[in-house]
Amino acid sequence: MSSSLSPLLSATFWEDGYDHLVEPVHQRDAQARRHLAALDVSVFDGNGKRLLDFTVDPRDEVVDLDGLLAGPLAGRGRVLVLFDARYDPQIFPYRPHHYGYLHRRGSPAPPLYYAVNAVLGGVPDRIGATGMNNFETYLFRQQALPARHAVLVANLSRFTTAEVQVTAYYGRSKVLERATLPPKLHAELPLPAEREGQPLERVEIKAPFRMATYVIGRQGQSGDLVLFDHLFTYFR
């Protein structure tokens, strides 16, 4: 790969039964027909095992994840999907964005639109980081959806096991949980809807480098996703 190209690593999660489309390049220049230089996709199960690798034509405007994964991965449950994109900074003076569309087939719930989470898989012992130096947060609406909430976290590092600290805030109280994730392993950490009569207000994740992180919400009866959104980094 040419050294003049810049990397863009991002990740999402796929599960069977959902229409799931990803737009590799946002804000496309219609006249110049800008597109990525290369786009490789890798898929991992919950234990970090690599399941699939394939190359996507960088000129494709939409990647149909369900069309690509439903056949070979039917019945496997949730998987982590990693996008390794390369782009020419002279063509993209800004960093390209990936956006997604997600909807359970046949569900009356509205479709979800989200920004695909950009990640930085780190090697803390090489960059001198000895503690948790990446903080991400998510604020919930005051009138929260009637759903079961959780945080999806994945470690995209090649070699480094990472400890993740998840803190959920309820008024003046908080609940703290830690998880240790080997490379490419992902986990779902439930978030109680309330504590001591106070609703869930905010969740914060601390890690040694930027992880793939999403907040999800599922309807109580159907289990359909009604919230799928990434957290926001506010300090590094």
C-alpha atoms as a PDB file:
ATOM      1  CA  MET A   1       0.000   0.000   0.000  1.00  0.00           C
ATOM      2  CA  SER A   2       1.373   3.417  -0.938  1.00  0.00           C
ATOM      3  CA  SER A   3       2.757   5.464   1.945  1.00  0.00           C
ATOM      4  CA  SER A   4       1.009   8.513   0.471  1.00  0.00           C
ATOM      5  CA  LEU A   5      -2.361   7.035   1.457  1.00  0.00           C
ATOM      6  CA  SER A   6      -3.955   7.660   4.833  1.00  0.00           C
ATOM      7  CA  PRO A   7      -5.684   4.935   6.874  1.00  0.00           C
ATOM      8  CA  LEU A   8      -9.198   5.100   8.226  1.00  0.00           C
ATOM      9  CA  LEU A   9     -10.171   2.334  10.648  1.00  0.00           C
ATOM     10  CA  SER A  10     -13.788   2.054  11.761  1.00  0.00           C
ATOM     11  CA  ALA A  11     -16.093  -0.640  13.119  1.00  0.00           C
ATOM     12  CA  THR A  12     -19.721  -1.581  13.552  1.00  0.00           C
ATOM     13  CA  PHE A  13     -21.719  -4.630  14.655  1.00  0.00           C
ATOM     14  CA  TRP A  14     -23.932  -6.861  12.531  1.00  0.00           C
ATOM     15  CA  GLU A  15     -26.581  -9.363  13.556  1.00  0.00           C
ATOM     16  CA  ASP A  16     -28.841 -11.523  11.441  1.00  0.00           C
ATOM     17  CA  GLY A  17     -32.325 -10.318  10.533  1.00  0.00           C
ATOM     18  CA  TYR A  18     -31.480  -6.647   9.990  1.00  0.00           C
ATOM     19  CA  ASP A  19     -31.173  -4.655   6.800  1.00  0.00           C
ATOM     20  CA  HIS A  20     -27.791  -3.047   7.349  1.00  0.00           C
ATOM     21  CA  LEU A  21     -26.282  -0.673   4.811  1.00  0.00           C
ATOM     22  CA  VAL A  22     -23.057   1.309   5.133  1.00  0.00           C
ATOM     23  CA  GLU A  23     -22.147   4.304   2.976  1.00  0.00           C
ATOM     24  CA  PRO A  24     -18.326   4.219   2.800  1.00  0.00           C
ATOM     25  CA  VAL A  25     -17.924   7.863   1.748  1.00  0.00           C
ATOM     26  CA  HIS A  26     -20.112  10.688   2.978  1.00  0.00           C
ATOM     27  CA  GLN A  27     -20.366  14.132   1.350  1.00  0.00           C
ATOM     28  CA  ARG A  28     -19.375  12.739  -2.035  1.00  0.00           C
ATOM     29  CA  ASP A  29     -18.428  15.214  -4.734  1.00  0.00           C
ATOM     30  CA  ALA A  30     -20.908  14.368  -7.504  1.00  0.00           C
ATOM     31  CA  GLN A  31     -18.727  15.810 -10.257  1.00  0.00           C
ATOM     32  CA  ALA A  32     -15.361  14.438  -9.159  1.00  0.00           C
ATOM     33  CA  ARG A  33     -16.841  11.074  -8.133  1.00  0.00           C
ATOM     34  CA  ARG A  34     -14.503  10.839  -5.169  1.00  0.00           C
ATOM     35  CA  HIS A  35     -14.042   7.390  -3.715  1.00  0.00           C
ATOM     36  CA  LEU A  36     -11.698   5.553  -1.388  1.00  0.00           C
ATOM     37  CA  ALA A  37      -8.466   4.100  -2.691  1.00  0.00           C
ATOM     38  CA  ALA A  38      -9.122   0.734  -1.014  1.00  0.00           C
ATOM     39  CA  LEU A  39     -11.590  -0.823   1.402  1.00  0.00           C
ATOM     40  CA  ASP A  40     -11.014  -4.147   3.179  1.00  0.00           C
ATOM     41  CA  VAL A  41     -13.521  -5.685   5.584  1.00  0.00           C
ATOM     42  CA  SER A  42     -12.864  -8.222   8.353  1.00  0.00           C
ATOM     43  CA  VAL A  43     -15.425  -9.963  10.564  1.00  0.00           C
ATOM     44  CA  PHE A  44     -14.849 -11.337  14.090  1.00  0.00           C
ATOM     45  CA  ASP A  45     -17.017 -13.315  16.496  1.00  0.00           C
ATOM     46  CA  GLY A  46     -17.506 -12.512  20.190  1.00  0.00           C
ATOM     47  CA  ASN A  47     -14.331 -14.390  21.135  1.00  0.00           C
ATOM     48  CA  GLY A  48     -12.160 -12.421  18.729  1.00  0.00           C
ATOM     49  CA  LYS A  49     -11.946 -15.212  16.154  1.00  0.00           C
ATOM     50  CA  ARG A  50     -11.604 -14.000  12.579  1.00  0.00           C
ATOM     51  CA  LEU A  51     -14.509 -15.340  10.525  1.00  0.00           C
ATOM     52  CA  LEU A  52     -14.284 -13.585   7.174  1.00  0.00           C
ATOM     53  CA  ASP A  53     -12.096 -11.268   5.119  1.00  0.00           C
ATOM     54  CA  PHE A  54     -13.124  -9.656   1.878  1.00  0.00           C
ATOM     55  CA  THR A  55     -12.325  -6.662  -0.274  1.00  0.00           C
ATOM     56  CA  VAL A  56     -14.995  -4.177  -1.308  1.00  0.00           C
ATOM     57  CA  ASP A  57     -14.790  -2.241  -4.545  1.00  0.00           C
ATOM     58  CA  PRO A  58     -13.882   1.265  -3.269  1.00  0.00           C
ATOM     59  CA  ARG A  59     -16.118   2.755  -5.964  1.00  0.00           C
ATOM     60  CA  ASP A  60     -19.220   1.178  -4.404  1.00  0.00           C
ATOM     61  CA  GLU A  61     -21.392   3.840  -2.840  1.00  0.00           C
ATOM     62  CA  VAL A  62     -23.181   1.429  -0.493  1.00  0.00           C
ATOM     63  CA  VAL A  63     -21.982  -1.746   1.247  1.00  0.00           C
ATOM     64  CA  ASP A  64     -24.834  -4.184   1.968  1.00  0.00           C
ATOM     65  CA  LEU A  65     -23.637  -5.932   5.127  1.00  0.00           C
ATOM     66  CA  ASP A  66     -26.660  -8.184   5.367  1.00  0.00           C
ATOM     67  CA  GLY A  67     -26.245  -9.268   1.766  1.00  0.00           C
ATOM     68  CA  LEU A  68     -22.592 -10.101   2.367  1.00  0.00           C
ATOM     69  CA  LEU A  69     -22.872 -11.750   5.790  1.00  0.00           C
ATOM     70  CA  ALA A  70     -26.330 -13.299   6.151  1.00  0.00           C
ATOM     71  CA  GLY A  71     -25.434 -16.375   4.105  1.00  0.00           C
ATOM     72  CA  PRO A  72     -22.065 -17.416   5.553  1.00  0.00           C
ATOM     73  CA  LEU A  73     -22.837 -16.238   9.100  1.00  0.00           C
ATOM     74  CA  ALA A  74     -26.485 -17.280   9.526  1.00  0.00           C
ATOM     75  CA  GLY A  75     -27.210 -18.252  13.117  1.00  0.00           C
ATOM     76  CA  ARG A  76     -23.929 -16.928  14.542  1.00  0.00           C
ATOM     77  CA  GLY A  77     -25.422 -13.994  16.415  1.00  0.00           C
ATOM     78  CA  ARG A  78     -23.720 -10.624  16.667  1.00  0.00           C
ATOM     79  CA  VAL A  79     -20.342 -10.130  14.988  1.00  0.00           C
ATOM     80  CA  LEU A  80     -17.851  -7.277  14.840  1.00  0.00           C
ATOM     81  CA  VAL A  81     -17.274  -5.757  11.395  1.00  0.00           C
ATOM     82  CA  LEU A  82     -14.026  -3.881  10.859  1.00  0.00           C
ATOM     83  CA  PHE A  83     -13.536  -1.478   7.924  1.00  0.00           C
ATOM     84  CA  ASP A  84      -9.926  -0.793   6.913  1.00  0.00           C
ATOM     85  CA  ALA A  85     -10.151   2.068   4.420  1.00  0.00           C
ATOM     86  CA  ARG A  86      -7.384   3.915   2.593  1.00  0.00           C
ATOM     87  CA  TYR A  87      -7.747   7.321   1.008  1.00  0.00           C
ATOM     88  CA  ASP A  88      -5.634   9.956  -0.708  1.00  0.00           C
ATOM     89  CA  PRO A  89      -5.515  13.191   1.356  1.00  0.00           C
ATOM     90  CA  GLN A  90      -5.238  15.184  -1.874  1.00  0.00           C
ATOM     91  CA  ILE A  91      -8.605  13.797  -2.947  1.00  0.00           C
ATOM     92  CA  PHE A  92     -10.146  13.984   0.546  1.00  0.00           C
ATOM     93  CA  PRO A  93      -8.837  17.097   2.310  1.00  0.00           C
ATOM     94  CA  TYR A  94     -11.176  16.058   5.156  1.00  0.00           C
ATOM     95  CA  ARG A  95     -11.320  12.617   6.706  1.00  0.00           C
ATOM     96  CA  PRO A  96     -14.035  10.551   4.980  1.00  0.00           C
ATOM     97  CA  HIS A  97     -17.047   9.531   7.038  1.00  0.00           C
ATOM     98  CA  HIS A  98     -18.928   6.239   7.038  1.00  0.00           C
ATOM     99  CA  TYR A  99     -22.657   6.293   7.750  1.00  0.00           C
ATOM    100  CA  GLY A 100     -25.024   3.384   8.371  1.00  0.00           C
ATOM    101  CA  TYR A 101     -28.693   2.416   8.000  1.00  0.00           C
ATOM    102  CA  LEU A 102     -30.111  -0.266  10.289  1.00  0.00           C
ATOM    103  CA  HIS A 103     -33.603  -1.773  10.438  1.00  0.00           C
ATOM    104  CA  ARG A 104     -35.011  -5.133  11.506  1.00  0.00           C
ATOM    105  CA  ARG A 105     -36.954  -6.612   8.616  1.00  0.00           C
ATOM    106  CA  GLY A 106     -40.713  -6.590   9.234  1.00  0.00           C
ATOM    107  CA  SER A 107     -40.429  -4.524  12.414  1.00  0.00           C
ATOM    108  CA  PRO A 108     -42.754  -1.535  12.976  1.00  0.00           C
ATOM    109  CA  ALA A 109     -39.876   0.257  14.725  1.00  0.00           C
ATOM    110  CA  PRO A 110     -38.372   3.110  12.654  1.00  0.00           C
ATOM    111  CA  PRO A 111     -35.003   2.594  10.930  1.00  0.00           C
ATOM    112  CA  LEU A 112     -31.865   3.817  12.648  1.00  0.00           C
ATOM    113  CA  TYR A 113     -29.263   6.030  11.014  1.00  0.00           C
ATOM    114  CA  TYR A 114     -25.845   6.297  12.641  1.00  0.00           C
ATOM    115  CA  ALA A 115     -22.240   7.347  12.124  1.00  0.00           C
ATOM    116  CA  VAL A 116     -19.916   4.357  11.944  1.00  0.00           C
ATOM    117  CA  ASN A 117     -17.508   4.498  14.876  1.00  0.00           C
ATOM    118  CA  ALA A 118     -13.926   5.452  13.966  1.00  0.00           C
ATOM    119  CA  VAL A 119     -11.415   3.640  16.159  1.00  0.00           C
ATOM    120  CA  LEU A 120      -7.748   3.766  17.062  1.00  0.00           C
ATOM    121  CA  GLY A 121      -6.346   0.390  18.045  1.00  0.00           C
ATOM    122  CA  GLY A 122      -3.392   1.217  20.299  1.00  0.00           C
ATOM    123  CA  VAL A 123      -0.277  -0.362  21.725  1.00  0.00           C
ATOM    124  CA  PRO A 124       0.072   1.428  25.096  1.00  0.00           C
ATOM    125  CA  ASP A 125       3.580   0.173  25.927  1.00  0.00           C
ATOM    126  CA  ARG A 126       4.859   1.728  22.689  1.00  0.00           C
ATOM    127  CA  ILE A 127       3.231   5.113  23.107  1.00  0.00           C
ATOM    128  CA  GLY A 128       4.024   5.526  26.796  1.00  0.00           C
ATOM    129  CA  ALA A 129       0.447   5.284  28.049  1.00  0.00           C
ATOM    130  CA  THR A 130       0.291   3.607  31.451  1.00  0.00           C
ATOM    131  CA  GLY A 131      -3.286   4.449  32.408  1.00  0.00           C
ATOM    132  CA  MET A 132      -6.673   5.087  30.878  1.00  0.00           C
ATOM    133  CA  ASN A 133      -6.148   8.104  28.660  1.00  0.00           C
ATOM    134  CA  ASN A 134      -9.193   7.922  26.382  1.00  0.00           C
ATOM    135  CA  PHE A 135     -12.580   8.989  27.750  1.00  0.00           C
ATOM    136  CA  GLU A 136     -15.886   8.655  25.911  1.00  0.00           C
ATOM    137  CA  THR A 137     -19.375   9.566  27.028  1.00  0.00           C
ATOM    138  CA  TYR A 138     -23.021   9.416  26.006  1.00  0.00           C
ATOM    139  CA  LEU A 139     -25.953  11.467  27.345  1.00  0.00           C
ATOM    140  CA  PHE A 140     -29.415   9.908  27.399  1.00  0.00           C
ATOM    141  CA  ARG A 141     -32.592  11.850  26.697  1.00  0.00           C
ATOM    142  CA  GLN A 142     -34.535  12.945  29.779  1.00  0.00           C
ATOM    143  CA  GLN A 143     -37.538  11.063  28.457  1.00  0.00           C
ATOM    144  CA  ALA A 144     -35.712   7.833  27.716  1.00  0.00           C
ATOM    145  CA  LEU A 145     -37.032   5.218  25.341  1.00  0.00           C
ATOM    146  CA  PRO A 146     -38.807   2.289  27.022  1.00  0.00           C
ATOM    147  CA  ALA A 147     -35.949  -0.048  26.197  1.00  0.00           C
ATOM    148  CA  ARG A 148     -33.240  -2.240  27.676  1.00  0.00           C
ATOM    149  CA  HIS A 149     -29.949  -0.395  27.290  1.00  0.00           C
ATOM    150  CA  ALA A 150     -26.415  -1.695  27.021  1.00  0.00           C
ATOM    151  CA  VAL A 151     -22.966  -0.713  25.791  1.00  0.00           C
ATOM    152  CA  LEU A 152     -21.183  -2.640  23.035  1.00  0.00           C
ATOM    153  CA  VAL A 153     -17.395  -2.444  23.373  1.00  0.00           C
ATOM    154  CA  ALA A 154     -14.725  -3.947  21.114  1.00  0.00           C
ATOM    155  CA  ASN A 155     -10.937  -3.899  21.294  1.00  0.00           C
ATOM    156  CA  LEU A 156      -9.527  -3.332  17.803  1.00  0.00           C
ATOM    157  CA  SER A 157      -5.893  -3.593  18.824  1.00  0.00           C
ATOM    158  CA  ARG A 158      -3.761  -6.195  17.059  1.00  0.00           C
ATOM    159  CA  PHE A 159      -1.771  -7.321  20.085  1.00  0.00           C
ATOM    160  CA  THR A 160      -2.805  -5.545  23.281  1.00  0.00           C
ATOM    161  CA  THR A 161      -5.352  -6.667  25.853  1.00  0.00           C
ATOM    162  CA  ALA A 162      -7.237  -3.655  27.209  1.00  0.00           C
ATOM    163  CA  GLU A 163      -9.086  -3.007  30.443  1.00  0.00           C
ATOM    164  CA  VAL A 164     -12.276  -1.014  29.922  1.00  0.00           C
ATOM    165  CA  GLN A 165     -14.037   0.885  32.703  1.00  0.00           C
ATOM    166  CA  VAL A 166     -17.745   1.604  32.202  1.00  0.00           C
ATOM    167  CA  THR A 167     -19.513   4.022  34.562  1.00  0.00           C
ATOM    168  CA  ALA A 168     -23.275   4.608  34.455  1.00  0.00           C
ATOM    169  CA  TYR A 169     -24.615   7.733  36.188  1.00  0.00           C
ATOM    170  CA  TYR A 170     -27.994   8.030  37.960  1.00  0.00           C
ATOM    171  CA  GLY A 171     -28.378  11.474  39.526  1.00  0.00           C
ATOM    172  CA  ARG A 172     -25.735  11.602  42.279  1.00  0.00           C
ATOM    173  CA  SER A 173     -25.050   7.875  42.246  1.00  0.00           C
ATOM    174  CA  LYS A 174     -23.137   5.744  39.779  1.00  0.00           C
ATOM    175  CA  VAL A 175     -22.469   2.129  38.911  1.00  0.00           C
ATOM    176  CA  LEU A 176     -19.002   1.076  37.799  1.00  0.00           C
ATOM    177  CA  GLU A 177     -18.108  -2.060  35.862  1.00  0.00           C
ATOM    178  CA  ARG A 178     -14.812  -3.246  34.397  1.00  0.00           C
ATOM    179  CA  ALA A 179     -14.132  -5.613  31.525  1.00  0.00           C
ATOM    180  CA  THR A 180     -10.887  -7.000  30.139  1.00  0.00           C
ATOM    181  CA  LEU A 181     -10.911  -7.425  26.360  1.00  0.00           C
ATOM    182  CA  PRO A 182      -8.212  -9.296  24.419  1.00  0.00           C
ATOM    183  CA  PRO A 183      -7.561  -8.136  20.824  1.00  0.00           C
ATOM    184  CA  LYS A 184     -10.631  -8.233  18.548  1.00  0.00           C
ATOM    185  CA  LEU A 185     -12.892  -9.400  21.377  1.00  0.00           C
ATOM    186  CA  HIS A 186     -16.172  -7.570  21.951  1.00  0.00           C
ATOM    187  CA  ALA A 187     -18.693  -7.606  24.765  1.00  0.00           C
ATOM    188  CA  GLU A 188     -22.156  -6.296  25.649  1.00  0.00           C
ATOM    189  CA  LEU A 189     -22.399  -4.658  29.082  1.00  0.00           C
ATOM    190  CA  PRO A 190     -25.988  -4.076  30.329  1.00  0.00           C
ATOM    191  CA  LEU A 191     -26.973  -0.674  31.708  1.00  0.00           C
ATOM    192  CA  PRO A 192     -29.713  -0.768  34.390  1.00  0.00           C
ATOM    193  CA  ALA A 193     -32.577   1.568  33.533  1.00  0.00           C
ATOM    194  CA  GLU A 194     -32.602   3.156  37.001  1.00  0.00           C
ATOM    195  CA  ARG A 195     -30.926   3.120  40.409  1.00  0.00           C
ATOM    196  CA  GLU A 196     -32.502   4.220  43.672  1.00  0.00           C
ATOM    197  CA  GLY A 197     -35.392   5.733  41.748  1.00  0.00           C
ATOM    198  CA  GLN A 198     -33.138   7.768  39.447  1.00  0.00           C
ATOM    199  CA  PRO A 199     -33.153   7.109  35.666  1.00  0.00           C
ATOM    200  CA  LEU A 200     -30.033   6.412  33.638  1.00  0.00           C
ATOM    201  CA  GLU A 201     -28.586   9.796  32.631  1.00  0.00           C
ATOM    202  CA  ARG A 202     -25.105   9.207  31.248  1.00  0.00           C
ATOM    203  CA  VAL A 203     -22.579   6.486  30.554  1.00  0.00           C
ATOM    204  CA  GLU A 204     -18.818   6.986  30.423  1.00  0.00           C
ATOM    205  CA  ILE A 205     -16.142   4.649  29.094  1.00  0.00           C
ATOM    206  CA  LYS A 206     -12.451   4.879  29.951  1.00  0.00           C
ATOM    207  CA  ALA A 207      -9.811   2.838  28.141  1.00  0.00           C
ATOM    208  CA  PRO A 208      -6.086   3.054  27.300  1.00  0.00           C
ATOM    209  CA  PHE A 209      -6.937   3.884  23.672  1.00  0.00           C
ATOM    210  CA  ARG A 210      -9.998   4.448  21.566  1.00  0.00           C
ATOM    211  CA  MET A 211     -12.258   1.412  21.368  1.00  0.00           C
ATOM    212  CA  ALA A 212     -15.263   0.632  19.168  1.00  0.00           C
ATOM    213  CA  THR A 213     -18.147   1.728  21.406  1.00  0.00           C
ATOM    214  CA  TYR A 214     -21.890   1.886  20.808  1.00  0.00           C
ATOM    215  CA  VAL A 215     -24.878   2.480  23.061  1.00  0.00           C
ATOM    216  CA  ILE A 216     -27.840   0.292  22.141  1.00  0.00           C
ATOM    217  CA  GLY A 217     -31.462   0.090  23.234  1.00  0.00           C
ATOM    218  CA  ARG A 218     -33.826  -2.828  22.639  1.00  0.00           C
ATOM    219  CA  GLN A 219     -37.597  -2.979  22.956  1.00  0.00           C
ATOM    220  CA  GLY A 220     -38.619  -5.009  25.955  1.00  0.00           C
ATOM    221  CA  GLN A 221     -40.857  -7.521  24.180  1.00  0.00           C
ATOM    222  CA  SER A 222     -39.542  -7.824  20.636  1.00  0.00           C
ATOM    223  CA  GLY A 223     -35.875  -7.152  21.336  1.00  0.00           C
ATOM    224  CA  ASP A 224     -35.718  -4.930  18.244  1.00  0.00           C
ATOM    225  CA  LEU A 225     -33.030  -2.284  18.233  1.00  0.00           C
ATOM    226  CA  VAL A 226     -34.487   1.185  18.817  1.00  0.00           C
ATOM    227  CA  LEU A 227     -31.175   2.893  19.648  1.00  0.00           C
ATOM    228  CA  PHE A 228     -27.765   2.381  18.029  1.00  0.00           C
ATOM    229  CA  ASP A 229     -25.335   5.246  18.458  1.00  0.00           C
ATOM    230  CA  HIS A 230     -21.623   5.641  19.134  1.00  0.00           C
ATOM    231  CA  LEU A 231     -20.149   7.403  22.141  1.00  0.00           C
ATOM    232  CA  PHE A 232     -18.231  10.664  21.852  1.00  0.00           C
ATOM    233  CA  THR A 233     -14.593  11.231  22.785  1.00  0.00           C
ATOM    234  CA  TYR A 234     -14.160  14.377  24.864  1.00  0.00           C
ATOM    235  CA  PHE A 235     -10.594  13.990  26.126  1.00  0.00           C
ATOM    236  CA  ARG A 236      -7.500  12.027  25.155  1.00  0.00           C
END
